[in-house]
Amino acid sequence: MHIARLHGYGVLRVSGADARSFLHAQLTVDVARLAPDMARRAGWCSANGRLLATLLVVPFADGFLLQLARDLAATVAARLAKYVLRAKVVIADRSEACAQHGLWGEGASGELVARGLIPPSVDLGVSVSGERAAVRLGPERYLVLGDPALQPDTDEAQWRLQDIRAGIPSITSATQDEFVPQMVNLERIGAIDFRKGCYPGQEVVARAQYRGAVKRRMYRLATATPLEPRPRPVLRFAAGRARRNGRERPPTARRSRCCRARQSNRARRSAPRPVANRSRCSPCPTHDDARRRAARRAREPKPSNRAFATVVGSARCA
């Protein structure tokens, strides 16, 4: 079993009578129907559908605890507060006061029992005891909130490695407002509910889901040498060429085919129609007669106008 103190994560506490409805209107998941013993992963988006934060929503006491990246805690709390308006909601940054630990490996559930916490039986299950809470993230893998007595025996990087292997994304200040939720696979881990009501960026998220407009995805990368994670990395292949099916191919090959297809379609649309199509509508004696008759009927007074003129004329003669 391993224990790590999680300094890179922050915690926001959202409490009040309207906390549930407030979060339901802001996040990508259905918080209104969230059970008190279940947590959910969620995203918070801008109006353009870009992720401002990835969250773990944990029901707690009279509200919720939101786990997110530590460098976003203060800014997200301030930005969420702008949407409170008259709602009975209090948003507080508890990153300093709430200790966070990760437990994983054989014997992790026994450690929870020894500390008076009942291990949840399902993934994302929540167990609360006083001011402490435990969330099961996988088999023998738990997040413990509010228990500073735990003694870590490894560093936080090992816990983050577990998140990477589980495919859990984490938006930080370096990647904030960069990705649509589907780009980091939130819909594949149950962090998007497409049947709930409106939330910021919902139209963009739904369009990306149903129109298949997602052109970038998050993948796991295995390398022989260590890589330093950086925002917007540029990965170059040998000799500047991409490999496909064991062959080297210029990376612009596919793009050139698309460009040729677009040019041919554009030329086809702008080409004039054949003369044969227009000859059917060319003027002829029959068409000229029909036009003259239509113009003559347009100049003639309508029956109602003639009747009115007859009545008026008769009245004058009388």
C-alpha atoms as a PDB file:
ATOM      1  CA  MET A   1       0.000   0.000   0.000  1.00  0.00           C
ATOM      2  CA  HIS A   2       1.150   3.554  -0.731  1.00  0.00           C
ATOM      3  CA  ILE A   3       0.056   6.921   0.663  1.00  0.00           C
ATOM      4  CA  ALA A   4       0.785  10.249  -1.031  1.00  0.00           C
ATOM      5  CA  ARG A   5      -0.024  13.789   0.082  1.00  0.00           C
ATOM      6  CA  LEU A   6      -1.695  15.610  -2.812  1.00  0.00           C
ATOM      7  CA  HIS A   7      -0.373  19.168  -2.848  1.00  0.00           C
ATOM      8  CA  GLY A   8      -1.162  19.743  -6.521  1.00  0.00           C
ATOM      9  CA  TYR A   9      -4.939  19.577  -6.017  1.00  0.00           C
ATOM     10  CA  GLY A  10      -7.236  22.228  -4.595  1.00  0.00           C
ATOM     11  CA  VAL A  11     -10.657  21.928  -2.955  1.00  0.00           C
ATOM     12  CA  LEU A  12     -13.639  24.245  -3.218  1.00  0.00           C
ATOM     13  CA  ARG A  13     -16.579  23.913  -0.867  1.00  0.00           C
ATOM     14  CA  VAL A  14     -19.969  24.907  -2.297  1.00  0.00           C
ATOM     15  CA  SER A  15     -22.664  25.060   0.376  1.00  0.00           C
ATOM     16  CA  GLY A  16     -26.092  26.576   0.878  1.00  0.00           C
ATOM     17  CA  ALA A  17     -29.724  25.790   0.153  1.00  0.00           C
ATOM     18  CA  ASP A  18     -29.259  26.300  -3.603  1.00  0.00           C
ATOM     19  CA  ALA A  19     -25.875  24.595  -3.939  1.00  0.00           C
ATOM     20  CA  ARG A  20     -27.229  21.588  -5.821  1.00  0.00           C
ATOM     21  CA  SER A  21     -29.269  23.570  -8.366  1.00  0.00           C
ATOM     22  CA  PHE A  22     -26.427  26.059  -8.805  1.00  0.00           C
ATOM     23  CA  LEU A  23     -23.877  23.379  -9.699  1.00  0.00           C
ATOM     24  CA  HIS A  24     -26.428  21.584 -11.869  1.00  0.00           C
ATOM     25  CA  ALA A  25     -26.723  24.721 -14.012  1.00  0.00           C
ATOM     26  CA  GLN A  26     -22.939  25.160 -14.313  1.00  0.00           C
ATOM     27  CA  LEU A  27     -21.370  21.716 -14.741  1.00  0.00           C
ATOM     28  CA  THR A  28     -21.516  19.123 -17.512  1.00  0.00           C
ATOM     29  CA  VAL A  29     -23.140  16.434 -15.320  1.00  0.00           C
ATOM     30  CA  ASP A  30     -26.544  16.007 -13.705  1.00  0.00           C
ATOM     31  CA  VAL A  31     -25.939  17.198 -10.152  1.00  0.00           C
ATOM     32  CA  ALA A  32     -29.675  17.454  -9.409  1.00  0.00           C
ATOM     33  CA  ARG A  33     -29.975  13.650  -9.370  1.00  0.00           C
ATOM     34  CA  LEU A  34     -26.608  12.915  -7.806  1.00  0.00           C
ATOM     35  CA  ALA A  35     -26.980  10.518  -4.871  1.00  0.00           C
ATOM     36  CA  PRO A  36     -25.481  11.632  -1.532  1.00  0.00           C
ATOM     37  CA  ASP A  37     -23.164   8.602  -1.475  1.00  0.00           C
ATOM     38  CA  MET A  38     -21.844   8.954  -5.040  1.00  0.00           C
ATOM     39  CA  ALA A  39     -19.276  11.282  -6.575  1.00  0.00           C
ATOM     40  CA  ARG A  40     -19.050  12.329 -10.224  1.00  0.00           C
ATOM     41  CA  ARG A  41     -16.364  13.647 -12.487  1.00  0.00           C
ATOM     42  CA  ALA A  42     -17.390  16.796 -14.335  1.00  0.00           C
ATOM     43  CA  GLY A  43     -16.184  19.695 -16.390  1.00  0.00           C
ATOM     44  CA  TRP A  44     -16.868  23.412 -16.212  1.00  0.00           C
ATOM     45  CA  CYS A  45     -16.849  25.166 -19.577  1.00  0.00           C
ATOM     46  CA  SER A  46     -16.799  28.677 -20.923  1.00  0.00           C
ATOM     47  CA  ALA A  47     -19.516  29.973 -23.223  1.00  0.00           C
ATOM     48  CA  ASN A  48     -17.369  28.786 -26.155  1.00  0.00           C
ATOM     49  CA  GLY A  49     -17.457  25.206 -24.889  1.00  0.00           C
ATOM     50  CA  ARG A  50     -13.811  25.175 -23.749  1.00  0.00           C
ATOM     51  CA  LEU A  51     -12.891  23.602 -20.427  1.00  0.00           C
ATOM     52  CA  LEU A  52     -12.106  25.992 -17.604  1.00  0.00           C
ATOM     53  CA  ALA A  53     -11.594  23.166 -15.096  1.00  0.00           C
ATOM     54  CA  THR A  54     -12.024  19.428 -14.603  1.00  0.00           C
ATOM     55  CA  LEU A  55     -13.669  18.572 -11.293  1.00  0.00           C
ATOM     56  CA  LEU A  56     -14.439  15.704  -8.964  1.00  0.00           C
ATOM     57  CA  VAL A  57     -17.816  16.509  -7.363  1.00  0.00           C
ATOM     58  CA  VAL A  58     -18.167  14.971  -3.899  1.00  0.00           C
ATOM     59  CA  PRO A  59     -21.398  15.388  -1.856  1.00  0.00           C
ATOM     60  CA  PHE A  60     -20.457  16.557   1.628  1.00  0.00           C
ATOM     61  CA  ALA A  61     -22.606  17.767   4.552  1.00  0.00           C
ATOM     62  CA  ASP A  62     -24.917  20.553   3.309  1.00  0.00           C
ATOM     63  CA  GLY A  63     -23.148  21.000  -0.009  1.00  0.00           C
ATOM     64  CA  PHE A  64     -20.377  19.654  -2.185  1.00  0.00           C
ATOM     65  CA  LEU A  65     -16.595  19.473  -2.342  1.00  0.00           C
ATOM     66  CA  LEU A  66     -14.999  20.149  -5.722  1.00  0.00           C
ATOM     67  CA  GLN A  67     -11.508  18.818  -6.318  1.00  0.00           C
ATOM     68  CA  LEU A  68      -9.569  20.527  -9.114  1.00  0.00           C
ATOM     69  CA  ALA A  69      -6.055  21.636  -9.997  1.00  0.00           C
ATOM     70  CA  ARG A  70      -4.486  23.703  -7.220  1.00  0.00           C
ATOM     71  CA  ASP A  71      -3.416  26.557  -9.500  1.00  0.00           C
ATOM     72  CA  LEU A  72      -7.032  27.031 -10.635  1.00  0.00           C
ATOM     73  CA  ALA A  73      -8.758  26.963  -7.243  1.00  0.00           C
ATOM     74  CA  ALA A  74      -8.705  30.708  -6.536  1.00  0.00           C
ATOM     75  CA  THR A  75      -9.622  31.812 -10.061  1.00  0.00           C
ATOM     76  CA  VAL A  76     -12.397  29.250 -10.457  1.00  0.00           C
ATOM     77  CA  ALA A  77     -13.870  30.189  -7.072  1.00  0.00           C
ATOM     78  CA  ALA A  78     -13.908  33.871  -8.031  1.00  0.00           C
ATOM     79  CA  ARG A  79     -15.373  33.186 -11.456  1.00  0.00           C
ATOM     80  CA  LEU A  80     -18.059  30.848 -10.123  1.00  0.00           C
ATOM     81  CA  ALA A  81     -19.057  33.473  -7.571  1.00  0.00           C
ATOM     82  CA  LYS A  82     -20.059  35.819 -10.408  1.00  0.00           C
ATOM     83  CA  TYR A  83     -22.912  33.453 -11.297  1.00  0.00           C
ATOM     84  CA  VAL A  84     -24.329  33.179  -7.784  1.00  0.00           C
ATOM     85  CA  LEU A  85     -26.399  36.387  -8.012  1.00  0.00           C
ATOM     86  CA  ARG A  86     -29.312  35.950  -5.563  1.00  0.00           C
ATOM     87  CA  ALA A  87     -28.912  32.207  -5.066  1.00  0.00           C
ATOM     88  CA  LYS A  88     -28.283  30.965  -1.538  1.00  0.00           C
ATOM     89  CA  VAL A  89     -24.811  29.639  -2.267  1.00  0.00           C
ATOM     90  CA  VAL A  90     -21.452  30.120  -0.562  1.00  0.00           C
ATOM     91  CA  ILE A  91     -18.231  29.233  -2.401  1.00  0.00           C
ATOM     92  CA  ALA A  92     -15.059  28.898  -0.305  1.00  0.00           C
ATOM     93  CA  ASP A  93     -11.529  27.878  -1.220  1.00  0.00           C
ATOM     94  CA  ARG A  94     -10.570  25.118   1.256  1.00  0.00           C
ATOM     95  CA  SER A  95      -7.322  24.072  -0.400  1.00  0.00           C
ATOM     96  CA  GLU A  96      -5.200  24.964   2.618  1.00  0.00           C
ATOM     97  CA  ALA A  97      -7.534  23.680   5.318  1.00  0.00           C
ATOM     98  CA  CYS A  98      -8.567  20.393   3.674  1.00  0.00           C
ATOM     99  CA  ALA A  99      -5.771  17.813   3.582  1.00  0.00           C
ATOM    100  CA  GLN A 100      -5.874  15.462   0.608  1.00  0.00           C
ATOM    101  CA  HIS A 101      -4.241  12.039   0.428  1.00  0.00           C
ATOM    102  CA  GLY A 102      -4.218   9.252  -2.088  1.00  0.00           C
ATOM    103  CA  LEU A 103      -4.213   5.595  -0.985  1.00  0.00           C
ATOM    104  CA  TRP A 104      -3.670   2.721  -3.385  1.00  0.00           C
ATOM    105  CA  GLY A 105      -2.402  -0.806  -3.413  1.00  0.00           C
ATOM    106  CA  GLU A 106      -3.134  -3.931  -1.429  1.00  0.00           C
ATOM    107  CA  GLY A 107      -4.380  -3.086   2.060  1.00  0.00           C
ATOM    108  CA  ALA A 108      -5.740   0.387   1.237  1.00  0.00           C
ATOM    109  CA  SER A 109      -9.281  -0.546   2.253  1.00  0.00           C
ATOM    110  CA  GLY A 110      -7.988  -1.973   5.540  1.00  0.00           C
ATOM    111  CA  GLU A 111      -6.293   1.362   6.278  1.00  0.00           C
ATOM    112  CA  LEU A 112      -9.614   3.139   5.819  1.00  0.00           C
ATOM    113  CA  VAL A 113     -11.340   0.748   8.233  1.00  0.00           C
ATOM    114  CA  ALA A 114      -8.605   1.325  10.801  1.00  0.00           C
ATOM    115  CA  ARG A 115      -9.276   5.067  10.585  1.00  0.00           C
ATOM    116  CA  GLY A 116     -13.034   4.753  10.999  1.00  0.00           C
ATOM    117  CA  LEU A 117     -14.010   5.142   7.346  1.00  0.00           C
ATOM    118  CA  ILE A 118     -16.137   2.545   5.605  1.00  0.00           C
ATOM    119  CA  PRO A 119     -14.609   1.660   2.220  1.00  0.00           C
ATOM    120  CA  PRO A 120     -17.168   2.298  -0.565  1.00  0.00           C
ATOM    121  CA  SER A 121     -18.095  -0.826  -2.507  1.00  0.00           C
ATOM    122  CA  VAL A 122     -18.426   0.775  -5.977  1.00  0.00           C
ATOM    123  CA  ASP A 123     -16.263   3.114  -8.004  1.00  0.00           C
ATOM    124  CA  LEU A 124     -16.900   6.795  -7.205  1.00  0.00           C
ATOM    125  CA  GLY A 125     -18.712   5.735  -4.038  1.00  0.00           C
ATOM    126  CA  VAL A 126     -18.412   8.156  -1.101  1.00  0.00           C
ATOM    127  CA  SER A 127     -18.022   7.435   2.605  1.00  0.00           C
ATOM    128  CA  VAL A 128     -18.314  10.361   5.046  1.00  0.00           C
ATOM    129  CA  SER A 129     -17.365  10.390   8.720  1.00  0.00           C
ATOM    130  CA  GLY A 130     -17.512  13.765  10.447  1.00  0.00           C
ATOM    131  CA  GLU A 131     -15.262  16.177   8.540  1.00  0.00           C
ATOM    132  CA  ARG A 132     -13.599  13.386   6.591  1.00  0.00           C
ATOM    133  CA  ALA A 133     -14.591  11.784   3.327  1.00  0.00           C
ATOM    134  CA  ALA A 134     -13.262   8.893   1.262  1.00  0.00           C
ATOM    135  CA  VAL A 135     -13.934   8.371  -2.449  1.00  0.00           C
ATOM    136  CA  ARG A 136     -13.218   5.095  -4.211  1.00  0.00           C
ATOM    137  CA  LEU A 137     -11.566   5.771  -7.582  1.00  0.00           C
ATOM    138  CA  GLY A 138     -10.870   2.143  -8.460  1.00  0.00           C
ATOM    139  CA  PRO A 139     -10.092  -1.234  -6.922  1.00  0.00           C
ATOM    140  CA  GLU A 140      -7.959  -0.567  -3.836  1.00  0.00           C
ATOM    141  CA  ARG A 141      -7.560   3.094  -4.827  1.00  0.00           C
ATOM    142  CA  TYR A 142      -9.057   5.832  -2.643  1.00  0.00           C
ATOM    143  CA  LEU A 143      -9.022   9.600  -2.258  1.00  0.00           C
ATOM    144  CA  VAL A 144      -9.208  10.744   1.373  1.00  0.00           C
ATOM    145  CA  LEU A 145     -10.242  14.317   2.166  1.00  0.00           C
ATOM    146  CA  GLY A 146      -9.861  16.045   5.521  1.00  0.00           C
ATOM    147  CA  ASP A 147      -7.614  13.562   7.371  1.00  0.00           C
ATOM    148  CA  PRO A 148      -4.254  15.240   8.100  1.00  0.00           C
ATOM    149  CA  ALA A 149      -3.099  12.330  10.301  1.00  0.00           C
ATOM    150  CA  LEU A 150      -2.222  10.128   7.330  1.00  0.00           C
ATOM    151  CA  GLN A 151       1.523   9.697   6.864  1.00  0.00           C
ATOM    152  CA  PRO A 152       2.705   9.679   3.239  1.00  0.00           C
ATOM    153  CA  ASP A 153       5.360   7.216   2.131  1.00  0.00           C
ATOM    154  CA  THR A 154       5.746   8.274  -1.523  1.00  0.00           C
ATOM    155  CA  ASP A 155       5.512  11.401  -3.641  1.00  0.00           C
ATOM    156  CA  GLU A 156       2.556  12.798  -5.544  1.00  0.00           C
ATOM    157  CA  ALA A 157       4.002  11.855  -8.937  1.00  0.00           C
ATOM    158  CA  GLN A 158       3.126   8.211  -8.301  1.00  0.00           C
ATOM    159  CA  TRP A 159      -0.512   9.157  -7.691  1.00  0.00           C
ATOM    160  CA  ARG A 160      -0.601  11.196 -10.886  1.00  0.00           C
ATOM    161  CA  LEU A 161       0.771   8.174 -12.711  1.00  0.00           C
ATOM    162  CA  GLN A 162      -2.249   6.219 -11.508  1.00  0.00           C
ATOM    163  CA  ASP A 163      -4.527   8.936 -12.935  1.00  0.00           C
ATOM    164  CA  ILE A 164      -2.715   8.814 -16.275  1.00  0.00           C
ATOM    165  CA  ARG A 165      -3.079   5.044 -16.487  1.00  0.00           C
ATOM    166  CA  ALA A 166      -6.782   5.391 -15.684  1.00  0.00           C
ATOM    167  CA  GLY A 167      -7.229   8.014 -18.442  1.00  0.00           C
ATOM    168  CA  ILE A 168      -8.260  10.815 -16.071  1.00  0.00           C
ATOM    169  CA  PRO A 169      -7.560  14.292 -17.532  1.00  0.00           C
ATOM    170  CA  SER A 170      -6.596  17.312 -15.463  1.00  0.00           C
ATOM    171  CA  ILE A 171      -6.984  20.872 -16.716  1.00  0.00           C
ATOM    172  CA  THR A 172      -4.445  23.314 -15.245  1.00  0.00           C
ATOM    173  CA  SER A 173      -3.762  27.003 -15.761  1.00  0.00           C
ATOM    174  CA  ALA A 174      -1.482  26.131 -18.703  1.00  0.00           C
ATOM    175  CA  THR A 175      -4.278  24.269 -20.536  1.00  0.00           C
ATOM    176  CA  GLN A 176      -7.315  26.239 -19.358  1.00  0.00           C
ATOM    177  CA  ASP A 177      -9.782  27.309 -22.070  1.00  0.00           C
ATOM    178  CA  GLU A 178      -7.981  25.192 -24.691  1.00  0.00           C
ATOM    179  CA  PHE A 179     -10.028  22.002 -25.119  1.00  0.00           C
ATOM    180  CA  VAL A 180     -13.600  20.955 -25.778  1.00  0.00           C
ATOM    181  CA  PRO A 181     -14.549  18.254 -23.199  1.00  0.00           C
ATOM    182  CA  GLN A 182     -14.505  15.497 -25.834  1.00  0.00           C
ATOM    183  CA  MET A 183     -10.884  16.333 -26.679  1.00  0.00           C
ATOM    184  CA  VAL A 184      -9.839  15.051 -23.240  1.00  0.00           C
ATOM    185  CA  ASN A 185     -12.318  12.120 -23.339  1.00  0.00           C
ATOM    186  CA  LEU A 186     -14.649  13.383 -20.620  1.00  0.00           C
ATOM    187  CA  GLU A 187     -17.633  11.675 -22.243  1.00  0.00           C
ATOM    188  CA  ARG A 188     -15.798   8.320 -22.045  1.00  0.00           C
ATOM    189  CA  ILE A 189     -15.402   8.519 -18.272  1.00  0.00           C
ATOM    190  CA  GLY A 190     -19.001   9.608 -17.624  1.00  0.00           C
ATOM    191  CA  ALA A 191     -18.212  13.286 -17.045  1.00  0.00           C
ATOM    192  CA  ILE A 192     -20.773  14.617 -19.567  1.00  0.00           C
ATOM    193  CA  ASP A 193     -24.533  14.155 -19.397  1.00  0.00           C
ATOM    194  CA  PHE A 194     -26.158  14.836 -22.779  1.00  0.00           C
ATOM    195  CA  ARG A 195     -29.701  14.580 -21.388  1.00  0.00           C
ATOM    196  CA  LYS A 196     -29.529  17.283 -18.732  1.00  0.00           C
ATOM    197  CA  GLY A 197     -30.536  20.926 -19.005  1.00  0.00           C
ATOM    198  CA  CYS A 198     -28.506  23.886 -20.163  1.00  0.00           C
ATOM    199  CA  TYR A 199     -25.057  24.796 -18.906  1.00  0.00           C
ATOM    200  CA  PRO A 200     -22.330  27.100 -20.255  1.00  0.00           C
ATOM    201  CA  GLY A 201     -21.033  25.843 -23.595  1.00  0.00           C
ATOM    202  CA  GLN A 202     -23.657  23.089 -23.959  1.00  0.00           C
ATOM    203  CA  GLU A 203     -24.414  23.902 -27.609  1.00  0.00           C
ATOM    204  CA  VAL A 204     -20.770  23.541 -28.615  1.00  0.00           C
ATOM    205  CA  VAL A 205     -20.362  20.304 -26.619  1.00  0.00           C
ATOM    206  CA  ALA A 206     -23.514  18.776 -28.135  1.00  0.00           C
ATOM    207  CA  ARG A 207     -22.491  19.781 -31.668  1.00  0.00           C
ATOM    208  CA  ALA A 208     -19.100  18.165 -31.193  1.00  0.00           C
ATOM    209  CA  GLN A 209     -20.779  14.978 -29.974  1.00  0.00           C
ATOM    210  CA  TYR A 210     -23.506  14.545 -32.574  1.00  0.00           C
ATOM    211  CA  ARG A 211     -21.787  16.009 -35.619  1.00  0.00           C
ATOM    212  CA  GLY A 212     -18.464  14.310 -35.003  1.00  0.00           C
ATOM    213  CA  ALA A 213     -16.519  17.561 -35.048  1.00  0.00           C
ATOM    214  CA  VAL A 214     -13.826  16.398 -32.594  1.00  0.00           C
ATOM    215  CA  LYS A 215     -10.538  16.401 -34.497  1.00  0.00           C
ATOM    216  CA  ARG A 216      -8.203  16.068 -31.512  1.00  0.00           C
ATOM    217  CA  ARG A 217      -8.150  13.461 -28.769  1.00  0.00           C
ATOM    218  CA  MET A 218      -6.162  12.661 -25.646  1.00  0.00           C
ATOM    219  CA  TYR A 219      -3.942   9.577 -25.892  1.00  0.00           C
ATOM    220  CA  ARG A 220      -1.511   7.777 -23.637  1.00  0.00           C
ATOM    221  CA  LEU A 221       2.074   7.970 -24.851  1.00  0.00           C
ATOM    222  CA  ALA A 222       4.820   5.516 -23.907  1.00  0.00           C
ATOM    223  CA  THR A 223       8.425   6.588 -24.532  1.00  0.00           C
ATOM    224  CA  ALA A 224      11.798   4.984 -23.994  1.00  0.00           C
ATOM    225  CA  THR A 225      13.171   8.183 -22.432  1.00  0.00           C
ATOM    226  CA  PRO A 226      11.473  10.482 -19.901  1.00  0.00           C
ATOM    227  CA  LEU A 227       9.544  13.469 -21.258  1.00  0.00           C
ATOM    228  CA  GLU A 228       8.847  16.691 -19.422  1.00  0.00           C
ATOM    229  CA  PRO A 229       5.126  17.545 -19.780  1.00  0.00           C
ATOM    230  CA  ARG A 230       4.631  20.945 -21.341  1.00  0.00           C
ATOM    231  CA  PRO A 231       1.569  22.735 -22.718  1.00  0.00           C
ATOM    232  CA  ARG A 232       1.152  22.424 -26.473  1.00  0.00           C
ATOM    233  CA  PRO A 233       4.079  20.034 -27.051  1.00  0.00           C
ATOM    234  CA  VAL A 234       5.416  19.533 -30.537  1.00  0.00           C
ATOM    235  CA  LEU A 235       6.362  15.943 -31.342  1.00  0.00           C
ATOM    236  CA  ARG A 236       8.575  15.506 -34.402  1.00  0.00           C
ATOM    237  CA  PHE A 237       9.229  12.191 -36.084  1.00  0.00           C
ATOM    238  CA  ALA A 238      12.509  11.052 -37.555  1.00  0.00           C
ATOM    239  CA  ALA A 239      13.637  13.057 -40.611  1.00  0.00           C
ATOM    240  CA  GLY A 240      10.530  15.230 -40.264  1.00  0.00           C
ATOM    241  CA  ARG A 241       8.289  12.602 -41.846  1.00  0.00           C
ATOM    242  CA  ALA A 242       5.297  10.704 -40.510  1.00  0.00           C
ATOM    243  CA  ARG A 243       5.306   6.916 -40.591  1.00  0.00           C
ATOM    244  CA  ARG A 244       2.244   5.003 -41.695  1.00  0.00           C
ATOM    245  CA  ASN A 245       2.120   1.236 -42.253  1.00  0.00           C
ATOM    246  CA  GLY A 246       5.890   1.028 -42.040  1.00  0.00           C
ATOM    247  CA  ARG A 247       6.429   3.584 -44.829  1.00  0.00           C
ATOM    248  CA  GLU A 248       7.617   7.131 -44.611  1.00  0.00           C
ATOM    249  CA  ARG A 249       5.188   9.593 -46.099  1.00  0.00           C
ATOM    250  CA  PRO A 250       5.308  13.405 -46.189  1.00  0.00           C
ATOM    251  CA  PRO A 251       2.937  14.797 -43.552  1.00  0.00           C
ATOM    252  CA  THR A 252       1.341  17.062 -46.187  1.00  0.00           C
ATOM    253  CA  ALA A 253       0.247  14.211 -48.456  1.00  0.00           C
ATOM    254  CA  ARG A 254      -3.222  13.883 -46.984  1.00  0.00           C
ATOM    255  CA  ARG A 255      -3.680  17.613 -46.843  1.00  0.00           C
ATOM    256  CA  SER A 256      -2.817  17.981 -50.523  1.00  0.00           C
ATOM    257  CA  ARG A 257      -5.472  15.414 -51.465  1.00  0.00           C
ATOM    258  CA  CYS A 258      -8.055  17.343 -49.451  1.00  0.00           C
ATOM    259  CA  CYS A 259      -7.003  20.579 -51.123  1.00  0.00           C
ATOM    260  CA  ARG A 260      -7.371  19.026 -54.556  1.00  0.00           C
ATOM    261  CA  ALA A 261     -10.813  17.716 -53.645  1.00  0.00           C
ATOM    262  CA  ARG A 262     -11.904  21.136 -52.416  1.00  0.00           C
ATOM    263  CA  GLN A 263     -10.588  22.820 -55.554  1.00  0.00           C
ATOM    264  CA  SER A 264     -12.392  20.358 -57.829  1.00  0.00           C
ATOM    265  CA  ASN A 265     -15.655  20.826 -55.922  1.00  0.00           C
ATOM    266  CA  ARG A 266     -15.293  24.591 -56.091  1.00  0.00           C
ATOM    267  CA  ALA A 267     -14.642  24.455 -59.823  1.00  0.00           C
ATOM    268  CA  ARG A 268     -17.634  22.193 -60.353  1.00  0.00           C
ATOM    269  CA  ARG A 269     -19.945  24.603 -58.524  1.00  0.00           C
ATOM    270  CA  SER A 270     -18.662  27.693 -60.339  1.00  0.00           C
ATOM    271  CA  ALA A 271     -18.768  26.128 -63.821  1.00  0.00           C
ATOM    272  CA  PRO A 272     -21.564  27.505 -66.091  1.00  0.00           C
ATOM    273  CA  ARG A 273     -24.482  25.276 -66.850  1.00  0.00           C
ATOM    274  CA  PRO A 274     -24.643  23.599 -70.272  1.00  0.00           C
ATOM    275  CA  VAL A 275     -26.401  25.549 -73.039  1.00  0.00           C
ATOM    276  CA  ALA A 276     -28.767  22.630 -73.569  1.00  0.00           C
ATOM    277  CA  ASN A 277     -30.307  23.235 -70.156  1.00  0.00           C
ATOM    278  CA  ARG A 278     -31.011  26.875 -70.961  1.00  0.00           C
ATOM    279  CA  SER A 279     -32.368  26.155 -74.463  1.00  0.00           C
ATOM    280  CA  ARG A 280     -35.518  24.661 -73.031  1.00  0.00           C
ATOM    281  CA  CYS A 281     -36.394  28.017 -71.490  1.00  0.00           C
ATOM    282  CA  SER A 282     -35.366  30.123 -74.508  1.00  0.00           C
ATOM    283  CA  PRO A 283     -38.053  32.468 -75.966  1.00  0.00           C
ATOM    284  CA  CYS A 284     -40.418  30.999 -78.580  1.00  0.00           C
ATOM    285  CA  PRO A 285     -43.719  32.178 -80.226  1.00  0.00           C
ATOM    286  CA  THR A 286     -45.803  30.150 -77.795  1.00  0.00           C
ATOM    287  CA  HIS A 287     -44.054  31.673 -74.791  1.00  0.00           C
ATOM    288  CA  ASP A 288     -44.363  35.176 -76.264  1.00  0.00           C
ATOM    289  CA  ASP A 289     -48.124  34.788 -76.689  1.00  0.00           C
ATOM    290  CA  ALA A 290     -48.473  33.582 -73.124  1.00  0.00           C
ATOM    291  CA  ARG A 291     -46.539  36.589 -71.847  1.00  0.00           C
ATOM    292  CA  ARG A 292     -48.690  39.025 -73.841  1.00  0.00           C
ATOM    293  CA  ARG A 293     -51.892  37.453 -72.534  1.00  0.00           C
ATOM    294  CA  ALA A 294     -50.629  37.625 -68.956  1.00  0.00           C
ATOM    295  CA  ALA A 295     -49.669  41.301 -69.374  1.00  0.00           C
ATOM    296  CA  ARG A 296     -53.070  42.103 -70.898  1.00  0.00           C
ATOM    297  CA  ARG A 297     -54.880  40.451 -67.952  1.00  0.00           C
ATOM    298  CA  ALA A 298     -52.765  42.432 -65.519  1.00  0.00           C
ATOM    299  CA  ARG A 299     -53.760  45.724 -67.146  1.00  0.00           C
ATOM    300  CA  GLU A 300     -57.459  44.900 -67.249  1.00  0.00           C
ATOM    301  CA  PRO A 301     -59.513  45.907 -64.158  1.00  0.00           C
ATOM    302  CA  LYS A 302     -60.608  43.117 -61.909  1.00  0.00           C
ATOM    303  CA  PRO A 303     -64.305  42.076 -61.844  1.00  0.00           C
ATOM    304  CA  SER A 304     -64.822  43.700 -58.485  1.00  0.00           C
ATOM    305  CA  ASN A 305     -63.402  46.990 -59.763  1.00  0.00           C
ATOM    306  CA  ARG A 306     -65.666  46.921 -62.871  1.00  0.00           C
ATOM    307  CA  ALA A 307     -68.718  46.276 -60.723  1.00  0.00           C
ATOM    308  CA  PHE A 308     -67.801  49.175 -58.455  1.00  0.00           C
ATOM    309  CA  ALA A 309     -67.289  51.444 -61.464  1.00  0.00           C
ATOM    310  CA  THR A 310     -70.694  50.443 -62.906  1.00  0.00           C
ATOM    311  CA  VAL A 311     -72.441  51.193 -59.641  1.00  0.00           C
ATOM    312  CA  VAL A 312     -70.749  54.562 -59.316  1.00  0.00           C
ATOM    313  CA  GLY A 313     -71.568  55.439 -62.949  1.00  0.00           C
ATOM    314  CA  SER A 314     -75.229  54.525 -62.521  1.00  0.00           C
ATOM    315  CA  ALA A 315     -75.461  56.654 -59.411  1.00  0.00           C
ATOM    316  CA  ARG A 316     -74.070  59.672 -61.264  1.00  0.00           C
ATOM    317  CA  CYS A 317     -76.475  59.229 -64.137  1.00  0.00           C
ATOM    318  CA  ALA A 318     -79.383  59.083 -61.732  1.00  0.00           C
END
